[in-house]
Amino acid sequence: MRNKYLLGTDIGTQGTKTVLVNPDGKIISSAFSEYDVIKPKPSWAEQWPDVWVKA
């Protein structure tokens, strides 16, 4: 019988977090990768989607 797991990913403003859990909700593994927010002008904020993918 194969084990079943759930993978959740949160792409946030400051970083990306991914969590692997089993069907009972027990966390098997998790990881967080931080990235910068580009601020080219006052009150502006930018991010490039390729940075999220690399995270």
PDB file of N, CA and C in Angstrom:
ATOM      1  N   MET A   1       0.847  -1.191   0.000  1.00  0.00           N
ATOM      2  CA  MET A   1       0.000   0.000   0.000  1.00  0.00           C
ATOM      3  C   MET A   1       0.887   1.248   0.000  1.00  0.00           C
ATOM      4  N   ARG A   2       0.524   2.228  -0.776  1.00  0.00           N
ATOM      5  CA  ARG A   2       1.287   3.467  -0.846  1.00  0.00           C
ATOM      6  C   ARG A   2       0.888   4.408   0.277  1.00  0.00           C
ATOM      7  N   ASN A   3       1.876   5.151   0.776  1.00  0.00           N
ATOM      8  CA  ASN A   3       1.588   6.198   1.754  1.00  0.00           C
ATOM      9  C   ASN A   3       1.028   7.411   1.027  1.00  0.00           C
ATOM     10  N   LYS A   4       0.094   8.084   1.659  1.00  0.00           N
ATOM     11  CA  LYS A   4      -0.484   9.290   1.082  1.00  0.00           C
ATOM     12  C   LYS A   4      -0.067  10.477   1.932  1.00  0.00           C
ATOM     13  N   TYR A   5       0.293  11.539   1.267  1.00  0.00           N
ATOM     14  CA  TYR A   5       0.708  12.765   1.937  1.00  0.00           C
ATOM     15  C   TYR A   5       0.019  13.952   1.286  1.00  0.00           C
ATOM     16  N   LEU A   6      -0.033  15.047   2.022  1.00  0.00           N
ATOM     17  CA  LEU A   6      -0.577  16.298   1.510  1.00  0.00           C
ATOM     18  C   LEU A   6       0.551  17.325   1.517  1.00  0.00           C
ATOM     19  N   LEU A   7       0.640  18.121   0.454  1.00  0.00           N
ATOM     20  CA  LEU A   7       1.662  19.147   0.336  1.00  0.00           C
ATOM     21  C   LEU A   7       0.963  20.495   0.236  1.00  0.00           C
ATOM     22  N   GLY A   8       1.312  21.401   1.129  1.00  0.00           N
ATOM     23  CA  GLY A   8       0.731  22.737   1.112  1.00  0.00           C
ATOM     24  C   GLY A   8       1.815  23.773   0.910  1.00  0.00           C
ATOM     25  N   THR A   9       1.535  24.772   0.080  1.00  0.00           N
ATOM     26  CA  THR A   9       2.496  25.838  -0.180  1.00  0.00           C
ATOM     27  C   THR A   9       1.816  27.188   0.001  1.00  0.00           C
ATOM     28  N   ASP A  10       2.475  28.070   0.757  1.00  0.00           N
ATOM     29  CA  ASP A  10       1.993  29.430   0.982  1.00  0.00           C
ATOM     30  C   ASP A  10       3.006  30.390   0.375  1.00  0.00           C
ATOM     31  N   ILE A  11       2.603  31.087  -0.673  1.00  0.00           N
ATOM     32  CA  ILE A  11       3.467  32.091  -1.290  1.00  0.00           C
ATOM     33  C   ILE A  11       3.085  33.430  -0.680  1.00  0.00           C
ATOM     34  N   GLY A  12       3.923  33.911   0.226  1.00  0.00           N
ATOM     35  CA  GLY A  12       3.640  35.147   0.938  1.00  0.00           C
ATOM     36  C   GLY A  12       4.497  36.305   0.457  1.00  0.00           C
ATOM     37  N   THR A  13       4.307  37.447   1.085  1.00  0.00           N
ATOM     38  CA  THR A  13       5.035  38.653   0.712  1.00  0.00           C
ATOM     39  C   THR A  13       6.518  38.554   1.034  1.00  0.00           C
ATOM     40  N   GLN A  14       6.859  37.952   2.159  1.00  0.00           N
ATOM     41  CA  GLN A  14       8.249  37.882   2.604  1.00  0.00           C
ATOM     42  C   GLN A  14       8.954  36.578   2.254  1.00  0.00           C
ATOM     43  N   GLY A  15       8.184  35.542   1.891  1.00  0.00           N
ATOM     44  CA  GLY A  15       8.806  34.261   1.571  1.00  0.00           C
ATOM     45  C   GLY A  15       7.771  33.203   1.238  1.00  0.00           C
ATOM     46  N   THR A  16       8.266  32.019   0.902  1.00  0.00           N
ATOM     47  CA  THR A  16       7.416  30.880   0.567  1.00  0.00           C
ATOM     48  C   THR A  16       7.639  29.771   1.581  1.00  0.00           C
ATOM     49  N   LYS A  17       6.541  29.214   2.101  1.00  0.00           N
ATOM     50  CA  LYS A  17       6.616  28.103   3.049  1.00  0.00           C
ATOM     51  C   LYS A  17       5.889  26.909   2.444  1.00  0.00           C
ATOM     52  N   THR A  18       6.509  25.740   2.569  1.00  0.00           N
ATOM     53  CA  THR A  18       5.906  24.501   2.093  1.00  0.00           C
ATOM     54  C   THR A  18       5.923  23.484   3.226  1.00  0.00           C
ATOM     55  N   VAL A  19       4.810  22.769   3.390  1.00  0.00           N
ATOM     56  CA  VAL A  19       4.670  21.788   4.470  1.00  0.00           C
ATOM     57  C   VAL A  19       4.157  20.475   3.891  1.00  0.00           C
ATOM     58  N   LEU A  20       4.759  19.375   4.319  1.00  0.00           N
ATOM     59  CA  LEU A  20       4.327  18.030   3.945  1.00  0.00           C
ATOM     60  C   LEU A  20       3.720  17.383   5.181  1.00  0.00           C
ATOM     61  N   VAL A  21       2.449  16.945   5.080  1.00  0.00           N
ATOM     62  CA  VAL A  21       1.766  16.319   6.217  1.00  0.00           C
ATOM     63  C   VAL A  21       1.173  14.981   5.794  1.00  0.00           C
ATOM     64  N   ASN A  22       0.997  14.109   6.787  1.00  0.00           N
ATOM     65  CA  ASN A  22       0.330  12.837   6.498  1.00  0.00           C
ATOM     66  C   ASN A  22      -1.178  13.033   6.658  1.00  0.00           C
ATOM     67  N   PRO A  23      -1.996  12.047   6.323  1.00  0.00           N
ATOM     68  CA  PRO A  23      -3.453  12.208   6.411  1.00  0.00           C
ATOM     69  C   PRO A  23      -3.971  12.507   7.822  1.00  0.00           C
ATOM     70  N   ASP A  24      -3.181  12.186   8.856  1.00  0.00           N
ATOM     71  CA  ASP A  24      -3.579  12.489  10.229  1.00  0.00           C
ATOM     72  C   ASP A  24      -3.237  13.918  10.634  1.00  0.00           C
ATOM     73  N   GLY A  25      -2.566  14.657   9.756  1.00  0.00           N
ATOM     74  CA  GLY A  25      -2.206  16.038  10.045  1.00  0.00           C
ATOM     75  C   GLY A  25      -0.838  16.206  10.682  1.00  0.00           C
ATOM     76  N   LYS A  26      -0.083  15.118  10.815  1.00  0.00           N
ATOM     77  CA  LYS A  26       1.258  15.201  11.394  1.00  0.00           C
ATOM     78  C   LYS A  26       2.213  15.793  10.359  1.00  0.00           C
ATOM     79  N   ILE A  27       2.977  16.815  10.776  1.00  0.00           N
ATOM     80  CA  ILE A  27       3.943  17.439   9.876  1.00  0.00           C
ATOM     81  C   ILE A  27       5.130  16.504   9.689  1.00  0.00           C
ATOM     82  N   ILE A  28       5.385  16.139   8.450  1.00  0.00           N
ATOM     83  CA  ILE A  28       6.506  15.274   8.103  1.00  0.00           C
ATOM     84  C   ILE A  28       7.748  16.120   7.832  1.00  0.00           C
ATOM     85  N   SER A  29       7.559  17.236   7.133  1.00  0.00           N
ATOM     86  CA  SER A  29       8.665  18.128   6.805  1.00  0.00           C
ATOM     87  C   SER A  29       8.111  19.507   6.467  1.00  0.00           C
ATOM     88  N   SER A  30       8.939  20.532   6.674  1.00  0.00           N
ATOM     89  CA  SER A  30       8.548  21.879   6.267  1.00  0.00           C
ATOM     90  C   SER A  30       9.803  22.663   5.890  1.00  0.00           C
ATOM     91  N   ALA A  31       9.606  23.685   5.068  1.00  0.00           N
ATOM     92  CA  ALA A  31      10.719  24.523   4.631  1.00  0.00           C
ATOM     93  C   ALA A  31      10.210  25.937   4.381  1.00  0.00           C
ATOM     94  N   PHE A  32      11.097  26.907   4.594  1.00  0.00           N
ATOM     95  CA  PHE A  32      10.773  28.311   4.350  1.00  0.00           C
ATOM     96  C   PHE A  32      11.932  28.947   3.598  1.00  0.00           C
ATOM     97  N   SER A  33      11.612  29.689   2.552  1.00  0.00           N
ATOM     98  CA  SER A  33      12.620  30.405   1.778  1.00  0.00           C
ATOM     99  C   SER A  33      12.204  31.868   1.695  1.00  0.00           C
ATOM    100  N   GLU A  34      13.072  32.740   2.172  1.00  0.00           N
ATOM    101  CA  GLU A  34      12.784  34.171   2.217  1.00  0.00           C
ATOM    102  C   GLU A  34      13.265  34.848   0.934  1.00  0.00           C
ATOM    103  N   TYR A  35      12.554  35.896   0.521  1.00  0.00           N
ATOM    104  CA  TYR A  35      12.985  36.687  -0.632  1.00  0.00           C
ATOM    105  C   TYR A  35      12.658  38.149  -0.387  1.00  0.00           C
ATOM    106  N   ASP A  36      13.310  39.005  -1.173  1.00  0.00           N
ATOM    107  CA  ASP A  36      13.178  40.447  -0.999  1.00  0.00           C
ATOM    108  C   ASP A  36      11.973  41.006  -1.749  1.00  0.00           C
ATOM    109  N   VAL A  37      11.520  42.141  -1.261  1.00  0.00           N
ATOM    110  CA  VAL A  37      10.509  42.934  -1.951  1.00  0.00           C
ATOM    111  C   VAL A  37      11.252  44.100  -2.593  1.00  0.00           C
ATOM    112  N   ILE A  38      11.061  44.299  -3.884  1.00  0.00           N
ATOM    113  CA  ILE A  38      11.711  45.392  -4.605  1.00  0.00           C
ATOM    114  C   ILE A  38      10.883  46.656  -4.388  1.00  0.00           C
ATOM    115  N   LYS A  39      11.541  47.732  -3.956  1.00  0.00           N
ATOM    116  CA  LYS A  39      10.850  49.003  -3.701  1.00  0.00           C
ATOM    117  C   LYS A  39      11.492  50.093  -4.560  1.00  0.00           C
ATOM    118  N   PRO A  40      11.061  50.197  -5.838  1.00  0.00           N
ATOM    119  CA  PRO A  40      11.693  51.149  -6.748  1.00  0.00           C
ATOM    120  C   PRO A  40      11.381  52.617  -6.446  1.00  0.00           C
ATOM    121  N   LYS A  41      10.251  52.869  -5.813  1.00  0.00           N
ATOM    122  CA  LYS A  41       9.845  54.232  -5.461  1.00  0.00           C
ATOM    123  C   LYS A  41       9.107  54.174  -4.127  1.00  0.00           C
ATOM    124  N   PRO A  42       9.000  55.300  -3.425  1.00  0.00           N
ATOM    125  CA  PRO A  42       8.213  55.307  -2.182  1.00  0.00           C
ATOM    126  C   PRO A  42       6.779  54.829  -2.434  1.00  0.00           C
ATOM    127  N   SER A  43       6.278  54.018  -1.549  1.00  0.00           N
ATOM    128  CA  SER A  43       4.923  53.452  -1.596  1.00  0.00           C
ATOM    129  C   SER A  43       4.734  52.423  -2.715  1.00  0.00           C
ATOM    130  N   TRP A  44       5.791  51.999  -3.382  1.00  0.00           N
ATOM    131  CA  TRP A  44       5.721  50.951  -4.406  1.00  0.00           C
ATOM    132  C   TRP A  44       6.352  49.681  -3.858  1.00  0.00           C
ATOM    133  N   ALA A  45       5.831  48.550  -4.289  1.00  0.00           N
ATOM    134  CA  ALA A  45       6.425  47.256  -3.947  1.00  0.00           C
ATOM    135  C   ALA A  45       6.219  46.309  -5.124  1.00  0.00           C
ATOM    136  N   GLU A  46       7.286  45.598  -5.497  1.00  0.00           N
ATOM    137  CA  GLU A  46       7.218  44.670  -6.625  1.00  0.00           C
ATOM    138  C   GLU A  46       7.887  43.352  -6.256  1.00  0.00           C
ATOM    139  N   GLN A  47       7.411  42.294  -6.895  1.00  0.00           N
ATOM    140  CA  GLN A  47       8.050  40.986  -6.799  1.00  0.00           C
ATOM    141  C   GLN A  47       7.919  40.309  -8.151  1.00  0.00           C
ATOM    142  N   TRP A  48       8.895  39.480  -8.474  1.00  0.00           N
ATOM    143  CA  TRP A  48       8.874  38.737  -9.725  1.00  0.00           C
ATOM    144  C   TRP A  48       8.453  37.305  -9.449  1.00  0.00           C
ATOM    145  N   PRO A  49       7.445  36.784 -10.159  1.00  0.00           N
ATOM    146  CA  PRO A  49       6.962  35.419  -9.929  1.00  0.00           C
ATOM    147  C   PRO A  49       8.035  34.344 -10.055  1.00  0.00           C
ATOM    148  N   ASP A  50       9.064  34.557 -10.884  1.00  0.00           N
ATOM    149  CA  ASP A  50      10.110  33.540 -10.996  1.00  0.00           C
ATOM    150  C   ASP A  50      10.872  33.368  -9.686  1.00  0.00           C
ATOM    151  N   VAL A  51      10.900  34.404  -8.849  1.00  0.00           N
ATOM    152  CA  VAL A  51      11.529  34.297  -7.525  1.00  0.00           C
ATOM    153  C   VAL A  51      10.718  33.348  -6.648  1.00  0.00           C
ATOM    154  N   TRP A  52       9.393  33.390  -6.746  1.00  0.00           N
ATOM    155  CA  TRP A  52       8.549  32.477  -5.967  1.00  0.00           C
ATOM    156  C   TRP A  52       8.819  31.039  -6.369  1.00  0.00           C
ATOM    157  N   VAL A  53       8.937  30.802  -7.680  1.00  0.00           N
ATOM    158  CA  VAL A  53       9.160  29.440  -8.178  1.00  0.00           C
ATOM    159  C   VAL A  53      10.509  28.911  -7.700  1.00  0.00           C
ATOM    160  N   LYS A  54      11.541  29.748  -7.732  1.00  0.00           N
ATOM    161  CA  LYS A  54      12.871  29.330  -7.279  1.00  0.00           C
ATOM    162  C   LYS A  54      12.911  29.078  -5.777  1.00  0.00           C
ATOM    163  N   ALA A  55      12.031  29.758  -5.024  1.00  0.00           N
ATOM    164  CA  ALA A  55      12.005  29.583  -3.566  1.00  0.00           C
ATOM    165  C   ALA A  55      11.570  28.178  -3.231  1.00  0.00           C
TER     166      ALA A  55
END
